[in-house]
C-alpha atoms as a PDB file:
ATOM      1  CA  MET A   1      -2.452  46.973  52.374  1.00  0.00           C
ATOM      2  CA  ASP A   2      -3.288  47.601  48.460  1.00  0.00           C
ATOM      3  CA  ALA A   3       0.272  45.890  45.663  1.00  0.00           C
ATOM      4  CA  ILE A   4       2.046  48.764  45.400  1.00  0.00           C
ATOM      5  CA  ASN A   5       4.632  49.479  42.191  1.00  0.00           C
ATOM      6  CA  ILE A   6       8.671  49.697  41.130  1.00  0.00           C
ATOM      7  CA  LYS A   7       7.909  53.231  41.258  1.00  0.00           C
ATOM      8  CA  GLN A   8       6.447  53.739  44.587  1.00  0.00           C
ATOM      9  CA  LEU A   9       9.307  51.328  45.709  1.00  0.00           C
ATOM     10  CA  ALA A  10      11.940  52.706  44.283  1.00  0.00           C
ATOM     11  CA  ALA A  11       9.912  56.408  45.762  1.00  0.00           C
ATOM     12  CA  LYS A  12      10.244  55.175  49.250  1.00  0.00           C
ATOM     13  CA  LEU A  13      13.671  53.892  49.293  1.00  0.00           C
ATOM     14  CA  ASN A  14      15.328  57.226  47.218  1.00  0.00           C
ATOM     15  CA  LEU A  15      16.480  55.855  44.963  1.00  0.00           C
ATOM     16  CA  SER A  16      16.226  55.336  41.244  1.00  0.00           C
ATOM     17  CA  THR A  17      13.380  52.760  39.192  1.00  0.00           C
ATOM     18  CA  SER A  18      16.462  51.366  38.070  1.00  0.00           C
ATOM     19  CA  THR A  19      18.604  51.050  40.915  1.00  0.00           C
ATOM     20  CA  VAL A  20      15.628  49.085  42.473  1.00  0.00           C
ATOM     21  CA  SER A  21      14.832  46.275  39.454  1.00  0.00           C
ATOM     22  CA  ARG A  22      18.787  45.748  38.573  1.00  0.00           C
ATOM     23  CA  ALA A  23      18.707  44.649  42.881  1.00  0.00           C
ATOM     24  CA  PHE A  24      16.253  42.018  41.845  1.00  0.00           C
ATOM     25  CA  ARG A  25      18.221  40.364  38.623  1.00  0.00           C
ATOM     26  CA  GLY A  26      21.073  40.659  41.168  1.00  0.00           C
ATOM     27  CA  HIS A  27      23.261  42.876  39.147  1.00  0.00           C
ATOM     28  CA  SER A  28      26.843  42.554  40.519  1.00  0.00           C
ATOM     29  CA  ASP A  29      27.012  46.508  40.168  1.00  0.00           C
ATOM     30  CA  ILE A  30      24.104  47.097  43.258  1.00  0.00           C
ATOM     31  CA  ASN A  31      26.138  46.977  46.622  1.00  0.00           C
ATOM     32  CA  LYS A  32      25.075  44.301  49.119  1.00  0.00           C
ATOM     33  CA  GLU A  33      23.843  47.512  51.659  1.00  0.00           C
ATOM     34  CA  THR A  34      21.186  48.699  49.219  1.00  0.00           C
ATOM     35  CA  LYS A  35      20.050  45.609  48.201  1.00  0.00           C
ATOM     36  CA  GLU A  36      20.052  44.202  51.666  1.00  0.00           C
ATOM     37  CA  ARG A  37      18.124  47.564  52.441  1.00  0.00           C
ATOM     38  CA  ILE A  38      15.524  47.205  48.827  1.00  0.00           C
ATOM     39  CA  LEU A  39      14.910  43.551  49.643  1.00  0.00           C
ATOM     40  CA  ALA A  40      13.743  44.059  53.460  1.00  0.00           C
ATOM     41  CA  MET A  41      11.184  47.484  52.550  1.00  0.00           C
ATOM     42  CA  ALA A  42       9.971  45.143  49.004  1.00  0.00           C
ATOM     43  CA  LYS A  43       9.196  42.557  51.857  1.00  0.00           C
ATOM     44  CA  GLU A  44       7.606  45.241  54.972  1.00  0.00           C
ATOM     45  CA  LEU A  45       5.305  46.482  51.291  1.00  0.00           C
ATOM     46  CA  ASN A  46       4.087  43.481  50.152  1.00  0.00           C
ATOM     47  CA  TYR A  47       6.432  43.587  46.414  1.00  0.00           C
ATOM     48  CA  GLN A  48       6.810  41.064  43.915  1.00  0.00           C
ATOM     49  CA  PRO A  49       8.912  42.118  40.833  1.00  0.00           C
ATOM     50  CA  ASN A  50       7.149  41.757  37.409  1.00  0.00           C
ATOM     51  CA  HIS A  51      10.411  39.541  35.757  1.00  0.00           C
ATOM     52  CA  LEU A  52       7.542  37.895  33.251  1.00  0.00           C
ATOM     53  CA  ALA A  53       7.631  41.908  32.667  1.00  0.00           C
ATOM     54  CA  SER A  54      10.874  42.858  32.351  1.00  0.00           C
ATOM     55  CA  ASN A  55      11.604  39.428  30.484  1.00  0.00           C
ATOM     56  CA  MET A  56       9.589  40.740  27.779  1.00  0.00           C
ATOM     57  CA  ARG A  57      10.581  43.863  28.092  1.00  0.00           C
ATOM     58  CA  GLU A  58      14.528  43.180  27.775  1.00  0.00           C
ATOM     59  CA  LYS A  59      12.953  40.184  24.501  1.00  0.00           C
ATOM     60  CA  ARG A  60      14.596  37.581  27.050  1.00  0.00           C
ATOM     61  CA  SER A  61      12.610  33.992  27.616  1.00  0.00           C
ATOM     62  CA  LYS A  62      14.951  33.031  31.206  1.00  0.00           C
ATOM     63  CA  THR A  63      15.097  29.996  29.578  1.00  0.00           C
ATOM     64  CA  ILE A  64      17.861  27.931  28.052  1.00  0.00           C
ATOM     65  CA  ALA A  65      17.588  25.173  25.485  1.00  0.00           C
ATOM     66  CA  VAL A  66      20.227  21.798  26.064  1.00  0.00           C
ATOM     67  CA  ILE A  67      19.784  19.337  22.943  1.00  0.00           C
ATOM     68  CA  VAL A  68      21.912  15.911  23.844  1.00  0.00           C
ATOM     69  CA  PRO A  69      21.388  12.829  21.372  1.00  0.00           C
ATOM     70  CA  GLU A  70      20.025  10.310  24.583  1.00  0.00           C
ATOM     71  CA  ILE A  71      18.504  10.595  28.277  1.00  0.00           C
ATOM     72  CA  ALA A  72      18.750   7.112  29.264  1.00  0.00           C
ATOM     73  CA  ASN A  73      23.093   7.235  28.934  1.00  0.00           C
ATOM     74  CA  ASN A  74      23.687   8.748  32.899  1.00  0.00           C
ATOM     75  CA  PHE A  75      27.006  11.442  31.501  1.00  0.00           C
ATOM     76  CA  PHE A  76      24.297  13.408  29.674  1.00  0.00           C
ATOM     77  CA  SER A  77      22.573  12.597  32.250  1.00  0.00           C
ATOM     78  CA  GLN A  78      24.729  14.554  34.994  1.00  0.00           C
ATOM     79  CA  VAL A  79      25.643  16.451  32.521  1.00  0.00           C
ATOM     80  CA  ILE A  80      22.225  18.019  32.466  1.00  0.00           C
ATOM     81  CA  ARG A  81      22.492  18.346  36.470  1.00  0.00           C
ATOM     82  CA  GLY A  82      25.505  21.077  36.166  1.00  0.00           C
ATOM     83  CA  ILE A  83      23.580  22.729  33.900  1.00  0.00           C
ATOM     84  CA  GLU A  84      20.872  23.097  35.986  1.00  0.00           C
ATOM     85  CA  GLY A  85      22.263  24.224  39.028  1.00  0.00           C
ATOM     86  CA  VAL A  86      24.198  27.005  36.819  1.00  0.00           C
ATOM     87  CA  ALA A  87      20.699  27.875  35.556  1.00  0.00           C
ATOM     88  CA  ARG A  88      18.751  27.896  39.010  1.00  0.00           C
ATOM     89  CA  GLU A  89      21.351  29.933  40.430  1.00  0.00           C
ATOM     90  CA  LYS A  90      20.799  32.522  37.579  1.00  0.00           C
ATOM     91  CA  ASP A  91      16.956  32.672  37.919  1.00  0.00           C
ATOM     92  CA  TYR A  92      17.068  30.316  34.308  1.00  0.00           C
ATOM     93  CA  HIS A  93      14.265  27.691  33.270  1.00  0.00           C
ATOM     94  CA  VAL A  94      15.935  25.010  30.958  1.00  0.00           C
ATOM     95  CA  LEU A  95      14.348  23.316  28.283  1.00  0.00           C
ATOM     96  CA  ILE A  96      15.780  19.635  27.271  1.00  0.00           C
ATOM     97  CA  TYR A  97      15.378  18.587  23.301  1.00  0.00           C
ATOM     98  CA  VAL A  98      16.294  14.533  22.794  1.00  0.00           C
ATOM     99  CA  THR A  99      16.745  14.452  19.232  1.00  0.00           C
ATOM    100  CA  ASP A 100      17.781  10.033  19.252  1.00  0.00           C
ATOM    101  CA  ASP A 101      20.585  11.095  17.000  1.00  0.00           C
ATOM    102  CA  ASN A 102      18.062  12.254  14.106  1.00  0.00           C
ATOM    103  CA  TYR A 103      19.782  15.083  11.954  1.00  0.00           C
ATOM    104  CA  GLU A 104      15.383  16.192  11.400  1.00  0.00           C
ATOM    105  CA  LYS A 105      14.928  16.296  14.198  1.00  0.00           C
ATOM    106  CA  GLU A 106      18.366  18.739  15.205  1.00  0.00           C
ATOM    107  CA  VAL A 107      16.949  20.857  12.472  1.00  0.00           C
ATOM    108  CA  ALA A 108      13.428  21.291  13.650  1.00  0.00           C
ATOM    109  CA  TYR A 109      14.345  22.361  17.409  1.00  0.00           C
ATOM    110  CA  ILE A 110      17.075  24.639  16.596  1.00  0.00           C
ATOM    111  CA  THR A 111      14.584  26.262  13.914  1.00  0.00           C
ATOM    112  CA  HIS A 112      11.769  26.218  16.968  1.00  0.00           C
ATOM    113  CA  LEU A 113      14.334  28.127  19.401  1.00  0.00           C
ATOM    114  CA  ASN A 114      15.033  30.064  16.859  1.00  0.00           C
ATOM    115  CA  SER A 115      12.290  31.509  17.303  1.00  0.00           C
ATOM    116  CA  GLY A 116      13.120  32.847  20.899  1.00  0.00           C
ATOM    117  CA  ARG A 117      11.629  30.550  22.824  1.00  0.00           C
ATOM    118  CA  ALA A 118      15.377  30.407  24.835  1.00  0.00           C
ATOM    119  CA  ASP A 119      18.231  32.845  25.129  1.00  0.00           C
ATOM    120  CA  GLY A 120      20.724  30.456  25.017  1.00  0.00           C
ATOM    121  CA  VAL A 121      22.034  26.559  23.390  1.00  0.00           C
ATOM    122  CA  ILE A 122      23.113  24.239  24.947  1.00  0.00           C
ATOM    123  CA  MET A 123      24.140  20.691  22.797  1.00  0.00           C
ATOM    124  CA  SER A 124      25.787  17.276  21.931  1.00  0.00           C
ATOM    125  CA  VAL A 125      25.494  16.844  18.361  1.00  0.00           C
ATOM    126  CA  SER A 126      23.684  14.470  16.512  1.00  0.00           C
ATOM    127  CA  GLY A 127      26.049  13.878  13.916  1.00  0.00           C
ATOM    128  CA  GLU A 128      24.408  13.285  11.167  1.00  0.00           C
ATOM    129  CA  ALA A 129      24.739  15.266   6.965  1.00  0.00           C
ATOM    130  CA  ASN A 130      27.157  17.914   6.983  1.00  0.00           C
ATOM    131  CA  ASP A 131      24.954  21.091   6.072  1.00  0.00           C
ATOM    132  CA  HIS A 132      25.076  23.182   9.689  1.00  0.00           C
ATOM    133  CA  GLN A 133      23.744  25.824   7.854  1.00  0.00           C
ATOM    134  CA  TYR A 134      20.223  25.700  10.489  1.00  0.00           C
ATOM    135  CA  LEU A 135      23.282  26.862  13.376  1.00  0.00           C
ATOM    136  CA  LYS A 136      24.950  29.072  12.094  1.00  0.00           C
ATOM    137  CA  LYS A 137      21.056  31.531  11.859  1.00  0.00           C
ATOM    138  CA  LEU A 138      21.306  31.248  15.700  1.00  0.00           C
ATOM    139  CA  LYS A 139      24.788  33.219  15.675  1.00  0.00           C
ATOM    140  CA  SER A 140      22.869  35.658  12.609  1.00  0.00           C
ATOM    141  CA  LYS A 141      20.347  36.646  15.599  1.00  0.00           C
ATOM    142  CA  ARG A 142      22.920  36.528  18.428  1.00  0.00           C
ATOM    143  CA  MET A 143      21.991  33.494  20.004  1.00  0.00           C
ATOM    144  CA  PRO A 144      24.773  31.600  21.857  1.00  0.00           C
ATOM    145  CA  LEU A 145      25.864  27.491  21.396  1.00  0.00           C
ATOM    146  CA  VAL A 146      27.955  25.650  22.775  1.00  0.00           C
ATOM    147  CA  PHE A 147      29.073  22.667  21.941  1.00  0.00           C
ATOM    148  CA  PHE A 148      30.052  20.017  24.550  1.00  0.00           C
ATOM    149  CA  ASP A 149      31.448  16.221  24.125  1.00  0.00           C
ATOM    150  CA  ARG A 150      29.869  15.345  20.191  1.00  0.00           C
ATOM    151  CA  VAL A 151      30.392  18.654  18.359  1.00  0.00           C
ATOM    152  CA  TYR A 152      30.892  20.000  14.406  1.00  0.00           C
ATOM    153  CA  GLU A 153      34.205  21.109  13.792  1.00  0.00           C
ATOM    154  CA  ASP A 154      32.667  23.574  10.972  1.00  0.00           C
ATOM    155  CA  ILE A 155      30.856  26.161  13.169  1.00  0.00           C
ATOM    156  CA  ASP A 156      32.753  28.264  15.033  1.00  0.00           C
ATOM    157  CA  THR A 157      32.182  28.041  18.267  1.00  0.00           C
ATOM    158  CA  ALA A 158      32.538  27.729  22.032  1.00  0.00           C
ATOM    159  CA  LYS A 159      33.074  23.621  22.258  1.00  0.00           C
ATOM    160  CA  ILE A 160      33.762  21.680  25.917  1.00  0.00           C
ATOM    161  CA  THR A 161      35.556  18.269  24.966  1.00  0.00           C
ATOM    162  CA  THR A 162      37.566  15.657  26.558  1.00  0.00           C
ATOM    163  CA  ASN A 163      40.439  14.144  25.959  1.00  0.00           C
ATOM    164  CA  ASP A 164      39.269  11.900  23.723  1.00  0.00           C
ATOM    165  CA  TYR A 165      42.314  10.898  22.561  1.00  0.00           C
ATOM    166  CA  GLU A 166      44.165   9.906  24.997  1.00  0.00           C
ATOM    167  CA  SER A 167      41.946   8.419  27.008  1.00  0.00           C
ATOM    168  CA  SER A 168      40.872   6.431  24.030  1.00  0.00           C
ATOM    169  CA  PHE A 169      44.964   5.193  23.324  1.00  0.00           C
ATOM    170  CA  ASP A 170      45.092   4.371  27.377  1.00  0.00           C
ATOM    171  CA  ALA A 171      42.075   2.092  27.520  1.00  0.00           C
ATOM    172  CA  THR A 172      43.783   0.098  24.525  1.00  0.00           C
ATOM    173  CA  GLU A 173      47.034  -0.100  26.018  1.00  0.00           C
ATOM    174  CA  HIS A 174      45.215  -1.164  28.700  1.00  0.00           C
ATOM    175  CA  LEU A 175      43.937  -4.675  27.627  1.00  0.00           C
ATOM    176  CA  ILE A 176      47.165  -4.738  25.849  1.00  0.00           C
ATOM    177  CA  LYS A 177      49.256  -4.706  28.238  1.00  0.00           C
ATOM    178  CA  ALA A 178      46.485  -7.586  30.367  1.00  0.00           C
ATOM    179  CA  GLY A 179      47.593  -9.938  27.064  1.00  0.00           C
ATOM    180  CA  CYS A 180      44.604  -8.631  24.911  1.00  0.00           C
ATOM    181  CA  LYS A 181      45.903  -9.404  21.126  1.00  0.00           C
ATOM    182  CA  LYS A 182      42.626  -9.132  19.267  1.00  0.00           C
ATOM    183  CA  ILE A 183      40.559  -6.583  20.638  1.00  0.00           C
ATOM    184  CA  ALA A 184      37.442  -5.471  19.400  1.00  0.00           C
ATOM    185  CA  TYR A 185      36.727  -2.116  18.861  1.00  0.00           C
ATOM    186  CA  LEU A 186      32.963  -1.028  19.754  1.00  0.00           C
ATOM    187  CA  VAL A 187      31.864   2.283  18.256  1.00  0.00           C
ATOM    188  CA  VAL A 188      27.746   3.740  17.336  1.00  0.00           C
ATOM    189  CA  ASN A 189      28.828   6.461  14.493  1.00  0.00           C
ATOM    190  CA  LYS A 190      31.913   6.222  13.875  1.00  0.00           C
ATOM    191  CA  ASN A 191      31.924   9.352  11.570  1.00  0.00           C
ATOM    192  CA  LEU A 192      31.250  12.129  14.268  1.00  0.00           C
ATOM    193  CA  SER A 193      34.558  13.768  15.277  1.00  0.00           C
ATOM    194  CA  ILE A 194      33.694  12.432  18.481  1.00  0.00           C
ATOM    195  CA  GLY A 195      33.911   8.972  16.721  1.00  0.00           C
ATOM    196  CA  LYS A 196      37.307   9.619  14.610  1.00  0.00           C
ATOM    197  CA  THR A 197      39.142  10.876  17.474  1.00  0.00           C
ATOM    198  CA  ARG A 198      38.586   7.837  19.522  1.00  0.00           C
ATOM    199  CA  MET A 199      39.304   5.981  16.690  1.00  0.00           C
ATOM    200  CA  ASN A 200      42.431   7.008  16.405  1.00  0.00           C
ATOM    201  CA  GLY A 201      43.907   6.574  19.667  1.00  0.00           C
ATOM    202  CA  TYR A 202      42.784   2.680  19.508  1.00  0.00           C
ATOM    203  CA  ILE A 203      44.702   2.550  15.916  1.00  0.00           C
ATOM    204  CA  ASP A 204      47.946   4.766  17.683  1.00  0.00           C
ATOM    205  CA  ALA A 205      47.863   1.609  20.652  1.00  0.00           C
ATOM    206  CA  LEU A 206      48.244  -1.075  18.608  1.00  0.00           C
ATOM    207  CA  LYS A 207      50.669  -0.338  16.292  1.00  0.00           C
ATOM    208  CA  LYS A 208      52.784   0.930  19.393  1.00  0.00           C
ATOM    209  CA  HIS A 209      52.856  -2.093  20.074  1.00  0.00           C
ATOM    210  CA  GLY A 210      53.053  -3.924  17.051  1.00  0.00           C
ATOM    211  CA  LEU A 211      49.685  -5.678  16.817  1.00  0.00           C
ATOM    212  CA  PRO A 212      47.554  -5.219  13.059  1.00  0.00           C
ATOM    213  CA  TYR A 213      44.620  -2.749  13.174  1.00  0.00           C
ATOM    214  CA  VAL A 214      41.943  -5.211  11.784  1.00  0.00           C
ATOM    215  CA  ASP A 215      39.007  -3.187   9.766  1.00  0.00           C
ATOM    216  CA  GLU A 216      36.054  -6.511  11.331  1.00  0.00           C
ATOM    217  CA  TYR A 217      37.434  -5.524  14.098  1.00  0.00           C
ATOM    218  CA  VAL A 218      35.604  -2.504  14.520  1.00  0.00           C
ATOM    219  CA  ILE A 219      32.052  -3.551  15.043  1.00  0.00           C
ATOM    220  CA  ASP A 220      29.707  -0.455  13.426  1.00  0.00           C
ATOM    221  CA  CYS A 221      26.754  -1.054  16.695  1.00  0.00           C
ATOM    222  CA  SER A 222      23.745   1.057  16.705  1.00  0.00           C
ATOM    223  CA  ASN A 223      21.209   2.683  19.514  1.00  0.00           C
ATOM    224  CA  ASP A 224      19.497  -0.221  19.769  1.00  0.00           C
ATOM    225  CA  TYR A 225      19.933  -2.852  22.269  1.00  0.00           C
ATOM    226  CA  GLU A 226      18.656  -5.855  20.177  1.00  0.00           C
ATOM    227  CA  ALA A 227      20.721  -4.972  17.518  1.00  0.00           C
ATOM    228  CA  ASN A 228      23.490  -4.922  19.407  1.00  0.00           C
ATOM    229  CA  SER A 229      22.714  -8.362  21.292  1.00  0.00           C
ATOM    230  CA  LEU A 230      22.660 -10.084  16.890  1.00  0.00           C
ATOM    231  CA  ILE A 231      25.448  -7.605  16.035  1.00  0.00           C
ATOM    232  CA  LEU A 232      27.754  -8.777  18.702  1.00  0.00           C
ATOM    233  CA  LYS A 233      26.351 -12.062  19.020  1.00  0.00           C
ATOM    234  CA  GLU A 234      27.502 -12.748  15.119  1.00  0.00           C
ATOM    235  CA  ALA A 235      31.089 -11.064  15.520  1.00  0.00           C
ATOM    236  CA  PHE A 236      31.740 -13.047  18.765  1.00  0.00           C
ATOM    237  CA  LYS A 237      30.904 -16.119  17.715  1.00  0.00           C
ATOM    238  CA  ILE A 238      33.518 -14.995  14.272  1.00  0.00           C
ATOM    239  CA  LEU A 239      36.097 -12.655  15.550  1.00  0.00           C
ATOM    240  CA  LYS A 240      36.296 -14.418  18.844  1.00  0.00           C
ATOM    241  CA  PRO A 241      38.004 -11.268  20.351  1.00  0.00           C
ATOM    242  CA  ASP A 242      39.647 -11.006  23.861  1.00  0.00           C
ATOM    243  CA  GLY A 243      39.523  -8.096  24.447  1.00  0.00           C
ATOM    244  CA  VAL A 244      36.666  -5.428  23.480  1.00  0.00           C
ATOM    245  CA  PHE A 245      36.888  -1.457  24.171  1.00  0.00           C
ATOM    246  CA  ALA A 246      33.391  -0.113  24.057  1.00  0.00           C
ATOM    247  CA  SER A 247      33.201   3.282  22.822  1.00  0.00           C
ATOM    248  CA  VAL A 248      29.293   3.899  24.894  1.00  0.00           C
ATOM    249  CA  GLU A 249      28.502   2.296  27.831  1.00  0.00           C
ATOM    250  CA  ARG A 250      25.386   1.214  26.669  1.00  0.00           C
ATOM    251  CA  LEU A 251      27.927  -1.382  24.133  1.00  0.00           C
ATOM    252  CA  ALA A 252      29.751  -2.522  27.507  1.00  0.00           C
ATOM    253  CA  PHE A 253      26.233  -3.519  28.262  1.00  0.00           C
ATOM    254  CA  SER A 254      25.522  -5.763  25.387  1.00  0.00           C
ATOM    255  CA  THR A 255      29.175  -6.755  25.810  1.00  0.00           C
ATOM    256  CA  TYR A 256      27.648  -8.267  28.862  1.00  0.00           C
ATOM    257  CA  TYR A 257      24.376  -9.679  28.287  1.00  0.00           C
ATOM    258  CA  VAL A 258      26.143 -11.456  24.619  1.00  0.00           C
ATOM    259  CA  SER A 259      28.871 -12.258  26.681  1.00  0.00           C
ATOM    260  CA  TYR A 260      26.548 -14.307  29.166  1.00  0.00           C
ATOM    261  CA  GLU A 261      24.639 -16.042  26.471  1.00  0.00           C
ATOM    262  CA  LEU A 262      27.536 -17.342  25.034  1.00  0.00           C
ATOM    263  CA  GLY A 263      28.885 -18.543  27.729  1.00  0.00           C
ATOM    264  CA  ILE A 264      32.273 -16.296  27.815  1.00  0.00           C
ATOM    265  CA  LYS A 265      33.897 -15.652  30.857  1.00  0.00           C
ATOM    266  CA  ILE A 266      34.208 -12.190  31.152  1.00  0.00           C
ATOM    267  CA  PRO A 267      37.539 -11.073  32.566  1.00  0.00           C
ATOM    268  CA  GLU A 268      38.772 -14.825  31.904  1.00  0.00           C
ATOM    269  CA  ASP A 269      37.753 -15.653  28.187  1.00  0.00           C
ATOM    270  CA  LEU A 270      37.595 -11.792  27.205  1.00  0.00           C
ATOM    271  CA  LYS A 271      38.699  -8.439  28.974  1.00  0.00           C
ATOM    272  CA  VAL A 272      35.643  -5.243  28.678  1.00  0.00           C
ATOM    273  CA  ILE A 273      36.766  -1.618  29.236  1.00  0.00           C
ATOM    274  CA  SER A 274      34.333   0.792  28.847  1.00  0.00           C
ATOM    275  CA  PHE A 275      33.581   5.362  28.574  1.00  0.00           C
ATOM    276  CA  SER A 276      30.909   5.646  31.216  1.00  0.00           C
ATOM    277  CA  SER A 277      30.242   7.582  33.629  1.00  0.00           C
ATOM    278  CA  LEU A 278      27.758   5.411  35.141  1.00  0.00           C
ATOM    279  CA  GLU A 279      27.642   4.837  39.360  1.00  0.00           C
ATOM    280  CA  ILE A 280      26.772   1.393  40.398  1.00  0.00           C
ATOM    281  CA  ALA A 281      29.425   0.158  37.150  1.00  0.00           C
ATOM    282  CA  PRO A 282      31.933  -0.985  40.627  1.00  0.00           C
ATOM    283  CA  LEU A 283      28.466  -3.535  41.060  1.00  0.00           C
ATOM    284  CA  LEU A 284      28.306  -5.102  38.094  1.00  0.00           C
ATOM    285  CA  ASN A 285      29.201  -8.074  37.720  1.00  0.00           C
ATOM    286  CA  PRO A 286      32.372  -7.839  37.205  1.00  0.00           C
ATOM    287  CA  SER A 287      32.839  -4.605  38.145  1.00  0.00           C
ATOM    288  CA  LEU A 288      33.148  -2.534  34.925  1.00  0.00           C
ATOM    289  CA  SER A 289      36.645  -0.825  33.828  1.00  0.00           C
ATOM    290  CA  THR A 290      36.045   2.526  32.759  1.00  0.00           C
ATOM    291  CA  ILE A 291      37.444   6.027  30.928  1.00  0.00           C
ATOM    292  CA  THR A 292      35.155   8.435  33.299  1.00  0.00           C
ATOM    293  CA  GLN A 293      33.850  11.981  32.399  1.00  0.00           C
ATOM    294  CA  PRO A 294      34.048  14.642  34.330  1.00  0.00           C
ATOM    295  CA  ALA A 295      30.637  15.033  33.073  1.00  0.00           C
ATOM    296  CA  PHE A 296      29.234  17.067  35.779  1.00  0.00           C
ATOM    297  CA  ASP A 297      31.581  19.682  35.561  1.00  0.00           C
ATOM    298  CA  MET A 298      31.281  19.163  31.900  1.00  0.00           C
ATOM    299  CA  GLY A 299      27.643  20.754  32.211  1.00  0.00           C
ATOM    300  CA  VAL A 300      28.552  23.282  34.854  1.00  0.00           C
ATOM    301  CA  LYS A 301      32.242  24.818  32.429  1.00  0.00           C
ATOM    302  CA  SER A 302      29.613  24.417  29.543  1.00  0.00           C
ATOM    303  CA  ALA A 303      26.273  26.703  31.500  1.00  0.00           C
ATOM    304  CA  LYS A 304      29.426  28.988  32.745  1.00  0.00           C
ATOM    305  CA  ILE A 305      30.531  30.013  29.364  1.00  0.00           C
ATOM    306  CA  LEU A 306      27.036  30.002  28.195  1.00  0.00           C
ATOM    307  CA  PHE A 307      25.704  32.195  30.854  1.00  0.00           C
ATOM    308  CA  ARG A 308      28.781  34.665  29.369  1.00  0.00           C
ATOM    309  CA  ALA A 309      27.888  33.991  26.990  1.00  0.00           C
ATOM    310  CA  MET A 310      24.654  35.936  27.081  1.00  0.00           C
ATOM    311  CA  GLU A 311      25.821  38.719  29.554  1.00  0.00           C
ATOM    312  CA  SER A 312      28.106  40.027  26.796  1.00  0.00           C
ATOM    313  CA  GLY A 313      26.033  40.131  24.110  1.00  0.00           C
ATOM    314  CA  GLY A 314      26.954  36.180  22.209  1.00  0.00           C
ATOM    315  CA  ASP A 315      30.480  36.669  21.807  1.00  0.00           C
ATOM    316  CA  PHE A 316      32.931  33.905  22.800  1.00  0.00           C
ATOM    317  CA  SER A 317      36.917  33.720  23.432  1.00  0.00           C
ATOM    318  CA  GLU A 318      39.718  31.215  22.340  1.00  0.00           C
ATOM    319  CA  SER A 319      39.556  30.539  26.442  1.00  0.00           C
ATOM    320  CA  ASP A 320      36.156  29.541  25.582  1.00  0.00           C
ATOM    321  CA  ASN A 321      37.506  25.677  24.362  1.00  0.00           C
ATOM    322  CA  LEU A 322      37.968  23.584  26.815  1.00  0.00           C
ATOM    323  CA  ILE A 323      40.030  19.914  26.645  1.00  0.00           C
ATOM    324  CA  LEU A 324      38.789  18.087  30.074  1.00  0.00           C
ATOM    325  CA  ASN A 325      40.972  15.038  31.400  1.00  0.00           C
ATOM    326  CA  SER A 326      38.881  11.742  31.134  1.00  0.00           C
ATOM    327  CA  LYS A 327      40.044   9.515  34.396  1.00  0.00           C
ATOM    328  CA  LEU A 328      40.711   5.528  33.585  1.00  0.00           C
ATOM    329  CA  ILE A 329      39.259   3.306  36.513  1.00  0.00           C
ATOM    330  CA  GLN A 330      40.696  -0.062  36.026  1.00  0.00           C
ATOM    331  CA  ARG A 331      38.547  -2.892  37.697  1.00  0.00           C
ATOM    332  CA  ARG A 332      37.668  -7.089  37.291  1.00  0.00           C
ATOM    333  CA  SER A 333      36.098  -6.393  33.544  1.00  0.00           C
ATOM    334  CA  SER A 334      39.574  -5.944  32.627  1.00  0.00           C
ATOM    335  CA  GLY A 335      41.550  -8.465  35.210  1.00  0.00           C
ATOM    336  CA  GLY A 336      41.133  -6.415  37.673  1.00  0.00           C
END
């Protein structure tokens, strides 16, 4: 049988071509019986909808972009998994861009996406520089942007974050109650809004329990494991902390490596807790105490808000700014 087009299929069903087209795209205004009748006739006549042509007519790419600082971190991989699940339900593809915390890469990706490569963007920012005009261009093109986890406060868009201040306060207080008095706070970029928020939780917990804030105990680290080993080895030798609060999971790994090399026993000599979504945290030796963010759920919610905005012309409401709760899980590394 020769291939038929959508007009011929619509004529066979005695329906309009727009009704048939909307049925194939899953529009909710087509009732179940009509949709089933259309799909059954399409199968019988071997009709295949031309989604590419449809997308071109509607100037849609059927693609969303996800921009993340790194891919190795378990938190980001779980967020992406949540986003992909929602995108798949919507028959969308996902493009993933990794900035490596590099501002120039971030600007280049956004400029590239401005050309219509994607219909919307979900992003966790690099945190460098204060000029974010390149992001404001997305709004002028009605391309929705959703921030998750790491955000730019000066950009007016949907933001999905977690209760970082409370989580950091609780993590620091947990170490204090375990007997720690010299708690090192390990951070990669304390100038990020998320870095500042987590640090404020750390400082306020110290203050509540009458412990002094010592600037040297806030240790600036990097994204490089070898560099972190050198930084922490030097800091641990000089400062001799009895507790470590790592703001990202890679710094917990570096703490374990350095402690082993220096003969520091965890948790006897040094108690450790970290922000981490690492699924094997219970299997580490000793098992790692964590503040675990709802990464998968954050991905799902970010994607649902993005698609809602795409379907409504790019608009967000105040209810699209969400703060999700993380969970403190005590294990052996902090004396549990």
